[in-house]
Amino acid sequence: MSLAPQLTTLDALAAGRSATVIHLAPSQHAAGGDLARRLMELGFVPGERIRILKRGVPGGEPLAVKVGQSTFALRRFEAALVTVDPE
C-alpha cells in the first residue's frame, strides 16, 4: 500500500467526485492567454476543495464544477490544467 497521493487532473474526475486542488499548469492552448491565472482568480487555488457536479453530453463537455459557493462550466482543456488529489 502506497501513502503517496493519487494525483490526477480535473478533467479525469467522474461526476459526483470531490477533490482538492494541488497545482495549476500554465496553458499551452492558443486561445488560453493566461488561463491558469484566470482559473486561480475564480477560486481554483491549491488547497481548495472542488466537486464535479455534472458532465455535458455528448463527449463529457463542459464540466460543471463547484468551487466554494460558486459553480463554473469548464471545457476539458481548461480542466486538464488543474492537478487534483481525489477524495
N, C-alpha and C. Protein backbone atom coordinates (compact mmCIF):
# COMPACT_ATOMS: atom_id res chain seq x y z
N MET A 1 0.84 -1.17 0.00
CA MET A 1 0.00 0.00 0.00
C MET A 1 0.88 1.23 0.00
N SER A 2 0.59 2.15 -0.89
CA SER A 2 1.37 3.37 -1.02
C SER A 2 0.69 4.52 -0.28
N LEU A 3 1.49 5.34 0.38
CA LEU A 3 0.96 6.51 1.06
C LEU A 3 1.00 7.74 0.18
N ALA A 4 1.57 7.63 -1.02
CA ALA A 4 1.64 8.75 -1.94
C ALA A 4 0.24 9.07 -2.47
N PRO A 5 -0.09 10.36 -2.60
CA PRO A 5 -1.41 10.71 -3.13
C PRO A 5 -1.55 10.29 -4.58
N GLN A 6 -2.76 9.94 -4.98
CA GLN A 6 -3.06 9.53 -6.35
C GLN A 6 -3.52 10.76 -7.12
N LEU A 7 -2.58 11.57 -7.57
CA LEU A 7 -2.91 12.81 -8.26
C LEU A 7 -3.42 12.52 -9.66
N THR A 8 -4.33 13.37 -10.12
CA THR A 8 -4.87 13.30 -11.46
C THR A 8 -5.23 14.72 -11.88
N THR A 9 -5.80 14.86 -13.05
CA THR A 9 -6.26 16.18 -13.46
C THR A 9 -7.78 16.25 -13.35
N LEU A 10 -8.28 17.45 -13.23
CA LEU A 10 -9.71 17.66 -13.01
C LEU A 10 -10.56 17.07 -14.13
N ASP A 11 -10.07 17.09 -15.36
CA ASP A 11 -10.86 16.56 -16.48
C ASP A 11 -11.05 15.05 -16.40
N ALA A 12 -10.26 14.36 -15.58
CA ALA A 12 -10.35 12.90 -15.47
C ALA A 12 -11.30 12.45 -14.35
N LEU A 13 -11.77 13.37 -13.52
CA LEU A 13 -12.67 13.00 -12.42
C LEU A 13 -14.07 12.70 -12.94
N ALA A 14 -14.72 11.75 -12.32
CA ALA A 14 -16.10 11.41 -12.67
C ALA A 14 -17.06 12.38 -12.00
N ALA A 15 -18.25 12.50 -12.56
CA ALA A 15 -19.30 13.33 -11.96
C ALA A 15 -19.61 12.83 -10.56
N GLY A 16 -19.77 13.76 -9.63
CA GLY A 16 -20.07 13.41 -8.25
C GLY A 16 -18.84 13.30 -7.36
N ARG A 17 -17.64 13.29 -7.95
CA ARG A 17 -16.41 13.16 -7.17
C ARG A 17 -15.93 14.51 -6.67
N SER A 18 -15.30 14.49 -5.50
CA SER A 18 -14.68 15.67 -4.91
C SER A 18 -13.17 15.50 -4.92
N ALA A 19 -12.46 16.61 -4.84
CA ALA A 19 -11.00 16.57 -4.84
C ALA A 19 -10.48 17.87 -4.24
N THR A 20 -9.19 17.90 -4.01
CA THR A 20 -8.50 19.09 -3.54
C THR A 20 -7.53 19.54 -4.62
N VAL A 21 -7.55 20.83 -4.92
CA VAL A 21 -6.64 21.38 -5.93
C VAL A 21 -5.21 21.32 -5.39
N ILE A 22 -4.29 20.82 -6.21
CA ILE A 22 -2.88 20.72 -5.85
C ILE A 22 -2.04 21.73 -6.62
N HIS A 23 -2.31 21.87 -7.92
CA HIS A 23 -1.45 22.69 -8.77
C HIS A 23 -2.19 23.11 -10.03
N LEU A 24 -1.84 24.27 -10.58
CA LEU A 24 -2.34 24.70 -11.88
C LEU A 24 -1.18 24.81 -12.84
N ALA A 25 -1.31 24.18 -14.00
CA ALA A 25 -0.26 24.21 -15.02
C ALA A 25 -0.49 25.40 -15.94
N PRO A 26 0.57 25.96 -16.50
CA PRO A 26 0.38 27.03 -17.49
C PRO A 26 -0.30 26.50 -18.74
N SER A 27 -1.10 27.33 -19.38
CA SER A 27 -1.86 26.91 -20.57
C SER A 27 -0.98 26.88 -21.81
N GLN A 28 -1.14 25.83 -22.61
CA GLN A 28 -0.47 25.72 -23.90
C GLN A 28 -1.48 25.95 -25.03
N HIS A 29 -2.72 26.23 -24.69
CA HIS A 29 -3.78 26.42 -25.68
C HIS A 29 -3.66 27.80 -26.31
N ALA A 30 -3.79 27.86 -27.62
CA ALA A 30 -3.59 29.12 -28.35
C ALA A 30 -4.55 30.22 -27.88
N ALA A 31 -5.79 29.88 -27.57
CA ALA A 31 -6.76 30.88 -27.14
C ALA A 31 -6.76 31.07 -25.63
N GLY A 32 -5.87 30.36 -24.93
CA GLY A 32 -5.90 30.36 -23.48
C GLY A 32 -5.41 31.62 -22.81
N GLY A 33 -4.50 32.36 -23.47
CA GLY A 33 -3.95 33.53 -22.80
C GLY A 33 -3.33 33.10 -21.50
N ASP A 34 -3.66 33.78 -20.43
CA ASP A 34 -3.17 33.40 -19.12
C ASP A 34 -4.28 32.66 -18.39
N LEU A 35 -4.63 31.50 -18.89
CA LEU A 35 -5.76 30.73 -18.39
C LEU A 35 -5.56 30.28 -16.95
N ALA A 36 -4.34 29.88 -16.59
CA ALA A 36 -4.09 29.44 -15.22
C ALA A 36 -4.38 30.57 -14.24
N ARG A 37 -4.00 31.79 -14.59
CA ARG A 37 -4.27 32.93 -13.71
C ARG A 37 -5.77 33.16 -13.59
N ARG A 38 -6.50 33.05 -14.70
CA ARG A 38 -7.95 33.22 -14.67
C ARG A 38 -8.61 32.18 -13.77
N LEU A 39 -8.16 30.92 -13.88
CA LEU A 39 -8.71 29.86 -13.03
C LEU A 39 -8.43 30.15 -11.56
N MET A 40 -7.24 30.65 -11.25
CA MET A 40 -6.93 30.99 -9.86
C MET A 40 -7.82 32.11 -9.36
N GLU A 41 -8.09 33.09 -10.21
CA GLU A 41 -8.99 34.19 -9.82
C GLU A 41 -10.40 33.70 -9.55
N LEU A 42 -10.81 32.61 -10.21
CA LEU A 42 -12.13 32.03 -9.99
C LEU A 42 -12.20 31.18 -8.72
N GLY A 43 -11.04 30.86 -8.14
CA GLY A 43 -11.02 30.07 -6.90
C GLY A 43 -10.32 28.74 -6.99
N PHE A 44 -9.79 28.39 -8.15
CA PHE A 44 -9.07 27.14 -8.31
C PHE A 44 -7.64 27.34 -7.80
N VAL A 45 -7.50 27.37 -6.48
CA VAL A 45 -6.20 27.61 -5.85
C VAL A 45 -5.78 26.37 -5.06
N PRO A 46 -4.48 26.14 -4.93
CA PRO A 46 -4.02 24.97 -4.16
C PRO A 46 -4.64 24.94 -2.76
N GLY A 47 -5.14 23.76 -2.40
CA GLY A 47 -5.77 23.56 -1.10
C GLY A 47 -7.29 23.68 -1.12
N GLU A 48 -7.86 24.22 -2.20
CA GLU A 48 -9.31 24.41 -2.29
C GLU A 48 -10.01 23.10 -2.67
N ARG A 49 -11.11 22.81 -1.98
CA ARG A 49 -11.91 21.62 -2.31
C ARG A 49 -12.85 21.97 -3.45
N ILE A 50 -12.97 21.04 -4.39
CA ILE A 50 -13.85 21.22 -5.54
C ILE A 50 -14.65 19.94 -5.74
N ARG A 51 -15.72 20.06 -6.52
CA ARG A 51 -16.57 18.89 -6.80
C ARG A 51 -17.08 18.97 -8.24
N ILE A 52 -17.00 17.86 -8.95
CA ILE A 52 -17.57 17.76 -10.30
C ILE A 52 -19.05 17.47 -10.12
N LEU A 53 -19.90 18.39 -10.53
CA LEU A 53 -21.33 18.19 -10.39
C LEU A 53 -21.92 17.39 -11.54
N LYS A 54 -21.49 17.70 -12.75
CA LYS A 54 -22.08 17.05 -13.93
C LYS A 54 -21.17 17.25 -15.13
N ARG A 55 -21.28 16.32 -16.06
CA ARG A 55 -20.57 16.41 -17.35
C ARG A 55 -21.60 16.55 -18.45
N GLY A 56 -21.30 17.38 -19.43
CA GLY A 56 -22.21 17.57 -20.56
C GLY A 56 -22.27 16.33 -21.44
N VAL A 57 -23.31 16.29 -22.25
CA VAL A 57 -23.49 15.19 -23.19
C VAL A 57 -23.63 15.80 -24.57
N PRO A 58 -23.04 15.32 -25.60
CA PRO A 58 -22.13 14.18 -25.65
C PRO A 58 -20.70 14.62 -25.39
N GLY A 59 -19.84 13.66 -25.15
CA GLY A 59 -18.42 13.92 -25.00
C GLY A 59 -17.96 14.37 -23.63
N GLY A 60 -18.86 14.54 -22.69
CA GLY A 60 -18.46 14.92 -21.34
C GLY A 60 -18.00 16.35 -21.19
N GLU A 61 -18.44 17.22 -22.09
CA GLU A 61 -18.03 18.62 -22.04
C GLU A 61 -19.24 19.51 -22.21
N PRO A 62 -19.38 20.59 -21.48
CA PRO A 62 -18.49 21.10 -20.45
C PRO A 62 -18.68 20.37 -19.13
N LEU A 63 -17.79 20.64 -18.18
CA LEU A 63 -17.88 20.09 -16.84
C LEU A 63 -18.45 21.17 -15.92
N ALA A 64 -19.44 20.84 -15.13
CA ALA A 64 -19.96 21.75 -14.11
C ALA A 64 -19.18 21.47 -12.83
N VAL A 65 -18.43 22.48 -12.35
CA VAL A 65 -17.54 22.31 -11.21
C VAL A 65 -17.93 23.29 -10.12
N LYS A 66 -18.09 22.79 -8.90
CA LYS A 66 -18.41 23.64 -7.76
C LYS A 66 -17.12 23.97 -7.01
N VAL A 67 -16.89 25.26 -6.82
CA VAL A 67 -15.74 25.76 -6.07
C VAL A 67 -16.29 26.72 -5.02
N GLY A 68 -16.16 26.38 -3.76
CA GLY A 68 -16.76 27.21 -2.71
C GLY A 68 -18.27 27.24 -2.90
N GLN A 69 -18.84 28.44 -2.98
CA GLN A 69 -20.28 28.59 -3.18
C GLN A 69 -20.65 28.85 -4.64
N SER A 70 -19.67 28.79 -5.53
CA SER A 70 -19.90 29.10 -6.94
C SER A 70 -19.80 27.84 -7.80
N THR A 71 -20.50 27.87 -8.94
CA THR A 71 -20.44 26.78 -9.91
C THR A 71 -19.98 27.35 -11.24
N PHE A 72 -19.02 26.67 -11.86
CA PHE A 72 -18.45 27.11 -13.12
C PHE A 72 -18.54 26.00 -14.16
N ALA A 73 -18.65 26.37 -15.42
CA ALA A 73 -18.59 25.43 -16.53
C ALA A 73 -17.20 25.55 -17.14
N LEU A 74 -16.47 24.43 -17.18
CA LEU A 74 -15.13 24.42 -17.76
C LEU A 74 -15.09 23.49 -18.95
N ARG A 75 -14.32 23.88 -19.95
CA ARG A 75 -14.04 22.99 -21.06
C ARG A 75 -12.99 21.99 -20.60
N ARG A 76 -12.89 20.87 -21.30
CA ARG A 76 -11.95 19.82 -20.88
C ARG A 76 -10.51 20.30 -20.89
N PHE A 77 -10.11 21.10 -21.88
CA PHE A 77 -8.73 21.56 -21.91
C PHE A 77 -8.43 22.50 -20.74
N GLU A 78 -9.46 23.22 -20.25
CA GLU A 78 -9.27 24.08 -19.07
C GLU A 78 -9.13 23.22 -17.82
N ALA A 79 -10.00 22.23 -17.68
CA ALA A 79 -9.96 21.34 -16.52
C ALA A 79 -8.67 20.53 -16.48
N ALA A 80 -8.08 20.26 -17.63
CA ALA A 80 -6.83 19.49 -17.68
C ALA A 80 -5.65 20.24 -17.09
N LEU A 81 -5.77 21.55 -16.90
CA LEU A 81 -4.71 22.35 -16.31
C LEU A 81 -4.67 22.22 -14.78
N VAL A 82 -5.75 21.69 -14.19
CA VAL A 82 -5.87 21.64 -12.74
C VAL A 82 -5.51 20.24 -12.23
N THR A 83 -4.40 20.13 -11.50
CA THR A 83 -4.00 18.87 -10.87
C THR A 83 -4.71 18.77 -9.53
N VAL A 84 -5.33 17.62 -9.27
CA VAL A 84 -6.11 17.44 -8.05
C VAL A 84 -5.75 16.15 -7.34
N ASP A 85 -6.07 16.10 -6.06
CA ASP A 85 -5.95 14.90 -5.25
C ASP A 85 -7.38 14.45 -4.94
N PRO A 86 -7.86 13.40 -5.61
CA PRO A 86 -9.25 12.95 -5.40
C PRO A 86 -9.47 12.44 -3.97
N GLU A 87 -10.70 12.58 -3.51
CA GLU A 87 -11.06 12.08 -2.18
C GLU A 87 -11.56 10.67 -2.29
